[in-house]
Amino acid sequence: MVSMNILSERPVFAVDGEVFHWGDVVRHARSSGRWDELEALACQGLACEAHFETIEEEGAEEAIDEAAAEFRYERELITAEEMEAWLEARGLTPEEWMGYIRRTVLRQLWADDLDDIAAEHPVGDGQVEEALRIDLLCSGTQRILAEELAVEAAAAAARGEASPAGPPADREGRLAALREQAGRFRQDAMAPETLAREIASNQMEWMRVDCRAIAFAGEGPAREAALCLREDGLEIEEVAGEADVPIREVALYLDQLDPEQHSRFLGAAVDDVIGPMPVDDGFTVYQVVAKVMPSIEDPEIARRAEKGVLTRLLAAEVNRRVRWHADF
């Protein structure tokens, strides 16, 4: 059974020879606020379980059974033997696993009433700790938390942060130093020339097409509007006014479009009419206003460039420096 004690000395991974333990992972999650969120979810789930025992909720049992089946299908745990092996590897019982499924489903089912349910069914700290242990193992969140710390440690090591000779007494201080060094690594990665290269490598896919759009519930009226714009040369204000529909300003990035839309917007010129296209539960007609090449001045493009650069650099440092001791 995996201990949830924050002082656990079970090794999880090493970065350039420095070993990090489960206690370090928990401390890192606490400092970021992630641990409080997870504890709150566990507490809500336990309250939902207690509430479930006092009422008859139509369809809840069926939803729980469906979620359990989906869980097994997604992980290819088809036979009883495969399921038993998965549970045994994590020190879990079938009852504990079903508790996780039940808490997850009920929390989603009663999402609008969680505060009232939690107030009606208070739970103890020991219950929360045990439920959280199970939830982390079943959901895979335990590995996610470990990976988040591994990324910070690898980034700090790449920045030149020297590892201490032995385990320091002040682990919070050590983790704070890692966060500071990792932050500097991220700042260094955001050099203008690096971001410019990232944008240049995505010139076509990150192109933005600015449009004015009018939406209709049915395809017939949408086709008529498109003909008025395309064939009769009417202004979109006139067409929208006649149909009593609003005009929306829409910015579309090519990489967010499906293949058919991608080709049509890529080949369109300014003032071209595109559509009608099925959107949500209706049909939308677009008129192209501008086609804008990606630029660092566009906040969305800047965000994409930063994310792309950091994701690639951090993945490289993790692959180079992290050695896993835990088998999740």
Protein backbone atom coordinates (compact mmCIF):
# COMPACT_ATOMS: atom_id res chain seq x y z
CA MET A 1 0.00 0.00 0.00
CA VAL A 2 1.32 3.46 -0.93
CA SER A 3 1.74 5.78 2.02
CA MET A 4 0.27 9.25 1.74
CA ASN A 5 2.41 10.56 4.60
CA ILE A 6 3.99 13.80 3.40
CA LEU A 7 7.23 12.73 5.11
CA SER A 8 7.39 9.52 3.05
CA GLU A 9 10.96 8.71 2.01
CA ARG A 10 9.90 6.50 -0.89
CA PRO A 11 12.12 7.58 -3.81
CA VAL A 12 10.21 8.72 -6.90
CA PHE A 13 12.87 10.00 -9.30
CA ALA A 14 16.38 11.43 -9.48
CA VAL A 15 17.68 14.42 -11.43
CA ASP A 16 21.40 14.41 -12.14
CA GLY A 17 21.83 12.11 -9.17
CA GLU A 18 19.72 14.08 -6.68
CA VAL A 19 16.91 11.86 -5.39
CA PHE A 20 13.42 13.24 -4.85
CA HIS A 21 10.93 11.45 -2.63
CA TRP A 22 7.15 11.27 -2.42
CA GLY A 23 7.26 13.82 0.39
CA ASP A 24 8.91 16.27 -2.00
CA VAL A 25 6.14 15.70 -4.54
CA VAL A 26 3.48 16.44 -1.93
CA ARG A 27 5.31 19.53 -0.68
CA HIS A 28 5.58 20.82 -4.25
CA ALA A 29 1.87 20.17 -4.82
CA ARG A 30 1.01 21.95 -1.57
CA SER A 31 3.06 25.01 -2.48
CA SER A 32 1.26 25.34 -5.82
CA GLY A 33 -2.20 24.86 -4.31
CA ARG A 34 -2.74 21.62 -6.21
CA TRP A 35 -2.86 19.50 -3.06
CA ASP A 36 -5.61 21.61 -1.50
CA GLU A 37 -7.67 21.21 -4.67
CA LEU A 38 -7.23 17.44 -4.60
CA GLU A 39 -8.14 17.22 -0.93
CA ALA A 40 -11.26 19.27 -1.61
CA LEU A 41 -12.28 16.91 -4.41
CA ALA A 42 -11.75 13.88 -2.17
CA CYS A 43 -13.79 15.50 0.59
CA GLN A 44 -16.62 16.26 -1.85
CA GLY A 45 -16.55 12.71 -3.15
CA LEU A 46 -16.80 11.23 0.33
CA ALA A 47 -19.72 13.52 1.14
CA CYS A 48 -21.42 12.41 -2.06
CA GLU A 49 -20.94 8.76 -1.08
CA ALA A 50 -22.52 9.43 2.30
CA HIS A 51 -25.38 11.30 0.64
CA PHE A 52 -25.88 8.48 -1.83
CA GLU A 53 -26.54 6.05 1.02
CA THR A 54 -29.45 8.16 2.26
CA ILE A 55 -31.38 8.63 -1.00
CA GLU A 56 -32.54 6.81 -4.10
CA GLU A 57 -31.09 8.54 -7.18
CA GLU A 58 -32.57 7.23 -10.41
CA GLY A 59 -29.90 6.31 -12.91
CA ALA A 60 -26.95 6.75 -10.53
CA GLU A 61 -26.15 3.05 -10.19
CA GLU A 62 -26.30 2.65 -13.96
CA ALA A 63 -23.96 5.63 -14.43
CA ILE A 64 -21.51 4.14 -11.92
CA ASP A 65 -21.53 0.77 -13.68
CA GLU A 66 -20.99 2.46 -17.06
CA ALA A 67 -18.08 4.50 -15.67
CA ALA A 68 -16.46 1.35 -14.24
CA ALA A 69 -16.78 -0.41 -17.59
CA GLU A 70 -15.37 2.60 -19.44
CA PHE A 71 -12.44 2.79 -17.00
CA ARG A 72 -11.54 -0.84 -17.74
CA TYR A 73 -12.04 -0.48 -21.48
CA GLU A 74 -9.79 2.59 -21.72
CA ARG A 75 -6.99 0.73 -19.92
CA GLU A 76 -7.61 -2.59 -21.70
CA LEU A 77 -8.45 -4.33 -18.43
CA ILE A 78 -10.91 -6.67 -20.08
CA THR A 79 -10.50 -9.91 -18.15
CA ALA A 80 -10.84 -10.38 -14.41
CA GLU A 81 -7.19 -11.42 -14.28
CA GLU A 82 -6.06 -8.19 -15.96
CA MET A 83 -8.13 -6.10 -13.55
CA GLU A 84 -6.81 -7.98 -10.52
CA ALA A 85 -3.21 -7.52 -11.67
CA TRP A 86 -3.75 -3.78 -12.17
CA LEU A 87 -5.18 -3.40 -8.68
CA GLU A 88 -2.49 -5.54 -7.06
CA ALA A 89 0.28 -3.49 -8.68
CA ARG A 90 -1.12 -0.41 -6.95
CA GLY A 91 -1.97 -2.01 -3.62
CA LEU A 92 -5.70 -1.49 -4.15
CA THR A 93 -8.72 -3.68 -3.48
CA PRO A 94 -11.74 -3.94 -5.81
CA GLU A 95 -13.82 -2.17 -3.16
CA GLU A 96 -11.39 0.76 -3.03
CA TRP A 97 -11.39 1.06 -6.82
CA MET A 98 -15.19 1.05 -6.95
CA GLY A 99 -15.19 3.71 -4.26
CA TYR A 100 -13.11 5.91 -6.56
CA ILE A 101 -15.51 5.28 -9.45
CA ARG A 102 -18.51 6.02 -7.26
CA ARG A 103 -17.06 9.25 -5.85
CA THR A 104 -16.08 10.48 -9.31
CA VAL A 105 -19.51 9.80 -10.84
CA LEU A 106 -21.51 11.21 -7.96
CA ARG A 107 -19.37 14.35 -7.81
CA GLN A 108 -20.12 14.96 -11.48
CA LEU A 109 -23.78 14.05 -11.09
CA TRP A 110 -24.32 16.48 -8.23
CA ALA A 111 -21.89 19.19 -9.35
CA ASP A 112 -24.41 21.97 -8.69
CA ASP A 113 -25.11 20.85 -5.12
CA LEU A 114 -21.65 19.96 -3.83
CA ASP A 115 -21.46 22.74 -1.24
CA ASP A 116 -24.78 21.75 0.32
CA ILE A 117 -23.91 18.04 0.28
CA ALA A 118 -20.50 18.69 1.86
CA ALA A 119 -22.11 20.77 4.60
CA GLU A 120 -24.67 18.03 5.27
CA HIS A 121 -22.11 15.21 5.39
CA PRO A 122 -18.84 16.34 7.04
CA VAL A 123 -15.90 13.93 6.81
CA GLY A 124 -12.81 13.42 8.94
CA ASP A 125 -9.20 14.09 7.97
CA GLY A 126 -8.37 10.39 8.10
CA GLN A 127 -11.15 9.59 5.64
CA VAL A 128 -9.94 12.29 3.27
CA GLU A 129 -6.34 11.04 3.41
CA GLU A 130 -7.36 7.49 2.60
CA ALA A 131 -9.75 8.52 -0.19
CA LEU A 132 -7.09 10.79 -1.65
CA ARG A 133 -4.57 7.93 -1.69
CA ILE A 134 -7.00 5.81 -3.68
CA ASP A 135 -8.06 8.65 -5.99
CA LEU A 136 -4.46 9.52 -6.87
CA LEU A 137 -3.60 5.94 -7.73
CA CYS A 138 -6.74 5.26 -9.76
CA SER A 139 -6.78 8.55 -11.67
CA GLY A 140 -3.08 8.64 -12.49
CA THR A 141 -2.78 12.02 -10.76
CA GLN A 142 0.05 10.69 -8.59
CA ARG A 143 2.30 10.43 -11.63
CA ILE A 144 1.16 13.83 -12.91
CA LEU A 145 2.19 15.46 -9.63
CA ALA A 146 5.55 13.70 -9.76
CA GLU A 147 6.09 14.79 -13.36
CA GLU A 148 5.33 18.41 -12.47
CA LEU A 149 8.12 18.39 -9.87
CA ALA A 150 10.43 16.49 -12.23
CA VAL A 151 10.01 19.25 -14.83
CA GLU A 152 10.92 21.92 -12.25
CA ALA A 153 13.96 19.98 -11.07
CA ALA A 154 15.19 19.27 -14.60
CA ALA A 155 14.77 22.93 -15.60
CA ALA A 156 16.69 24.05 -12.51
CA ALA A 157 19.48 21.59 -13.27
CA ALA A 158 19.68 22.87 -16.84
CA ARG A 159 19.97 26.40 -15.48
CA GLY A 160 23.05 25.31 -13.53
CA GLU A 161 21.54 24.87 -10.07
CA ALA A 162 24.04 22.67 -8.21
CA SER A 163 22.62 19.71 -6.30
CA PRO A 164 23.46 19.61 -2.59
CA ALA A 165 25.90 17.02 -1.29
CA GLY A 166 23.19 15.31 0.75
CA PRO A 167 19.47 15.62 1.52
CA PRO A 168 18.99 19.10 3.05
CA ALA A 169 17.05 19.42 6.27
CA ASP A 170 14.90 22.19 4.82
CA ARG A 171 13.11 20.51 1.92
CA GLU A 172 10.74 23.46 1.47
CA GLY A 173 13.75 25.72 1.03
CA ARG A 174 15.30 23.33 -1.47
CA LEU A 175 12.08 23.19 -3.51
CA ALA A 176 11.76 26.97 -3.39
CA ALA A 177 15.27 27.26 -4.82
CA LEU A 178 14.33 24.85 -7.60
CA ARG A 179 11.25 26.90 -8.46
CA GLU A 180 13.34 30.06 -8.68
CA GLN A 181 15.90 28.44 -10.96
CA ALA A 182 13.20 26.85 -13.11
CA GLY A 183 11.57 30.26 -13.47
CA ARG A 184 14.85 31.69 -14.74
CA PHE A 185 15.15 28.80 -17.19
CA ARG A 186 11.73 29.70 -18.58
CA GLN A 187 12.66 33.37 -18.84
CA ASP A 188 15.84 32.51 -20.73
CA ALA A 189 13.82 30.36 -23.14
CA MET A 190 11.64 33.32 -24.06
CA ALA A 191 14.37 35.16 -25.98
CA PRO A 192 12.82 37.16 -28.87
CA GLU A 193 14.89 35.37 -31.50
CA THR A 194 13.75 31.97 -30.18
CA LEU A 195 10.10 32.98 -30.31
CA ALA A 196 10.59 34.44 -33.79
CA ARG A 197 11.96 31.11 -35.03
CA GLU A 198 9.01 29.26 -33.51
CA ILE A 199 6.55 31.57 -35.25
CA ALA A 200 8.40 31.30 -38.56
CA SER A 201 8.17 27.51 -38.42
CA ASN A 202 4.39 27.75 -38.06
CA GLN A 203 3.67 30.52 -40.55
CA MET A 204 0.93 28.73 -42.46
CA GLU A 205 -0.84 26.85 -39.68
CA TRP A 206 -1.00 29.87 -37.38
CA MET A 207 -2.41 32.21 -40.02
CA ARG A 208 -5.49 34.05 -38.75
CA VAL A 209 -8.53 34.67 -40.91
CA ASP A 210 -10.69 37.54 -39.64
CA CYS A 211 -14.32 37.29 -40.69
CA ARG A 212 -17.76 38.74 -40.18
CA ALA A 213 -20.26 35.98 -39.62
CA ILE A 214 -24.03 35.54 -39.55
CA ALA A 215 -25.61 32.40 -38.11
CA PHE A 216 -28.92 30.74 -38.91
CA ALA A 217 -30.91 27.91 -37.34
CA GLY A 218 -31.67 26.29 -40.70
CA GLU A 219 -29.58 25.56 -43.80
CA GLY A 220 -32.14 27.08 -46.21
CA PRO A 221 -31.99 30.65 -44.87
CA ALA A 222 -28.21 30.36 -44.59
CA ARG A 223 -27.91 29.36 -48.26
CA GLU A 224 -30.14 32.24 -49.28
CA ALA A 225 -27.99 34.68 -47.29
CA ALA A 226 -24.82 33.33 -48.89
CA LEU A 227 -26.33 33.79 -52.38
CA CYS A 228 -27.32 37.36 -51.58
CA LEU A 229 -23.76 38.12 -50.53
CA ARG A 230 -21.99 36.13 -53.21
CA GLU A 231 -24.22 36.56 -56.28
CA ASP A 232 -26.22 39.73 -55.65
CA GLY A 233 -23.35 41.65 -54.07
CA LEU A 234 -25.39 42.82 -51.10
CA GLU A 235 -23.63 44.14 -48.01
CA ILE A 236 -23.58 41.84 -45.00
CA GLU A 237 -25.33 44.50 -42.90
CA GLU A 238 -28.26 44.47 -45.32
CA VAL A 239 -28.49 40.67 -45.39
CA ALA A 240 -28.28 40.42 -41.60
CA GLY A 241 -30.88 43.15 -41.20
CA GLU A 242 -33.33 41.44 -43.54
CA ALA A 243 -32.89 38.14 -41.68
CA ASP A 244 -32.92 39.83 -38.26
CA VAL A 245 -29.71 38.10 -37.15
CA PRO A 246 -26.64 39.70 -35.53
CA ILE A 247 -23.23 40.05 -37.19
CA ARG A 248 -20.34 38.53 -35.24
CA GLU A 249 -16.66 39.36 -35.58
CA VAL A 250 -14.79 36.03 -35.76
CA ALA A 251 -11.05 35.26 -35.73
CA LEU A 252 -10.18 31.78 -37.01
CA TYR A 253 -6.73 30.19 -36.86
CA LEU A 254 -6.14 27.67 -39.64
CA ASP A 255 -4.81 24.93 -37.37
CA GLN A 256 -8.07 24.95 -35.41
CA LEU A 257 -10.17 24.09 -38.46
CA ASP A 258 -11.14 20.68 -39.81
CA PRO A 259 -9.64 19.68 -43.19
CA GLU A 260 -12.55 20.95 -45.31
CA GLN A 261 -12.72 24.30 -43.52
CA HIS A 262 -8.93 24.59 -43.58
CA SER A 263 -8.74 24.37 -47.36
CA ARG A 264 -11.62 26.76 -47.93
CA PHE A 265 -10.33 29.48 -45.60
CA LEU A 266 -6.74 29.03 -46.76
CA GLY A 267 -7.74 29.62 -50.39
CA ALA A 268 -10.15 32.47 -49.67
CA ALA A 269 -9.43 36.10 -50.54
CA VAL A 270 -10.60 39.22 -48.73
CA ASP A 271 -14.38 39.76 -49.25
CA ASP A 272 -14.92 36.12 -50.27
CA VAL A 273 -18.03 34.47 -48.85
CA ILE A 274 -17.61 31.04 -47.25
CA GLY A 275 -20.45 28.77 -46.30
CA PRO A 276 -22.91 28.03 -45.10
CA MET A 277 -21.04 25.72 -42.76
CA PRO A 278 -22.54 23.64 -39.96
CA VAL A 279 -21.59 25.19 -36.64
CA ASP A 280 -23.02 23.96 -33.33
CA ASP A 281 -26.74 23.41 -33.99
CA GLY A 282 -27.04 25.76 -36.96
CA PHE A 283 -25.34 27.08 -40.09
CA THR A 284 -22.97 30.03 -40.39
CA VAL A 285 -22.00 32.19 -43.35
CA TYR A 286 -18.61 33.94 -43.23
CA GLN A 287 -17.27 36.92 -45.13
CA VAL A 288 -13.49 37.28 -45.02
CA VAL A 289 -12.26 40.65 -43.77
CA ALA A 290 -8.52 39.99 -43.56
CA LYS A 291 -5.90 37.24 -43.61
CA VAL A 292 -3.22 37.92 -41.04
CA MET A 293 0.18 36.22 -40.92
CA PRO A 294 1.28 35.19 -37.41
CA SER A 295 3.09 37.82 -35.39
CA ILE A 296 4.40 38.11 -31.86
CA GLU A 297 2.11 41.15 -31.52
CA ASP A 298 -0.89 38.79 -31.54
CA PRO A 299 -1.36 37.62 -27.90
CA GLU A 300 -2.63 34.23 -29.06
CA ILE A 301 0.39 33.71 -31.31
CA ALA A 302 2.75 34.82 -28.54
CA ARG A 303 1.12 32.32 -26.18
CA ARG A 304 1.46 29.53 -28.73
CA ALA A 305 5.09 30.33 -29.44
CA GLU A 306 5.99 30.41 -25.74
CA LYS A 307 4.16 27.15 -25.08
CA GLY A 308 5.78 25.42 -28.06
CA VAL A 309 9.29 26.50 -27.11
CA LEU A 310 8.89 25.61 -23.44
CA THR A 311 7.23 22.27 -24.09
CA ARG A 312 10.02 21.17 -26.39
CA LEU A 313 12.89 22.44 -24.21
CA LEU A 314 11.46 21.07 -20.97
CA ALA A 315 10.73 17.68 -22.52
CA ALA A 316 14.34 17.49 -23.71
CA GLU A 317 15.69 18.31 -20.24
CA VAL A 318 13.41 15.78 -18.56
CA ASN A 319 14.44 13.05 -21.00
CA ARG A 320 18.10 13.91 -20.49
CA ARG A 321 18.20 14.29 -16.73
CA VAL A 322 15.33 12.44 -15.01
CA ARG A 323 15.65 8.82 -13.92
CA TRP A 324 12.46 7.32 -12.53
CA HIS A 325 12.52 5.08 -9.46
CA ALA A 326 8.76 4.72 -9.02
CA ASP A 327 6.66 2.54 -11.30
CA PHE A 328 3.25 4.14 -11.61
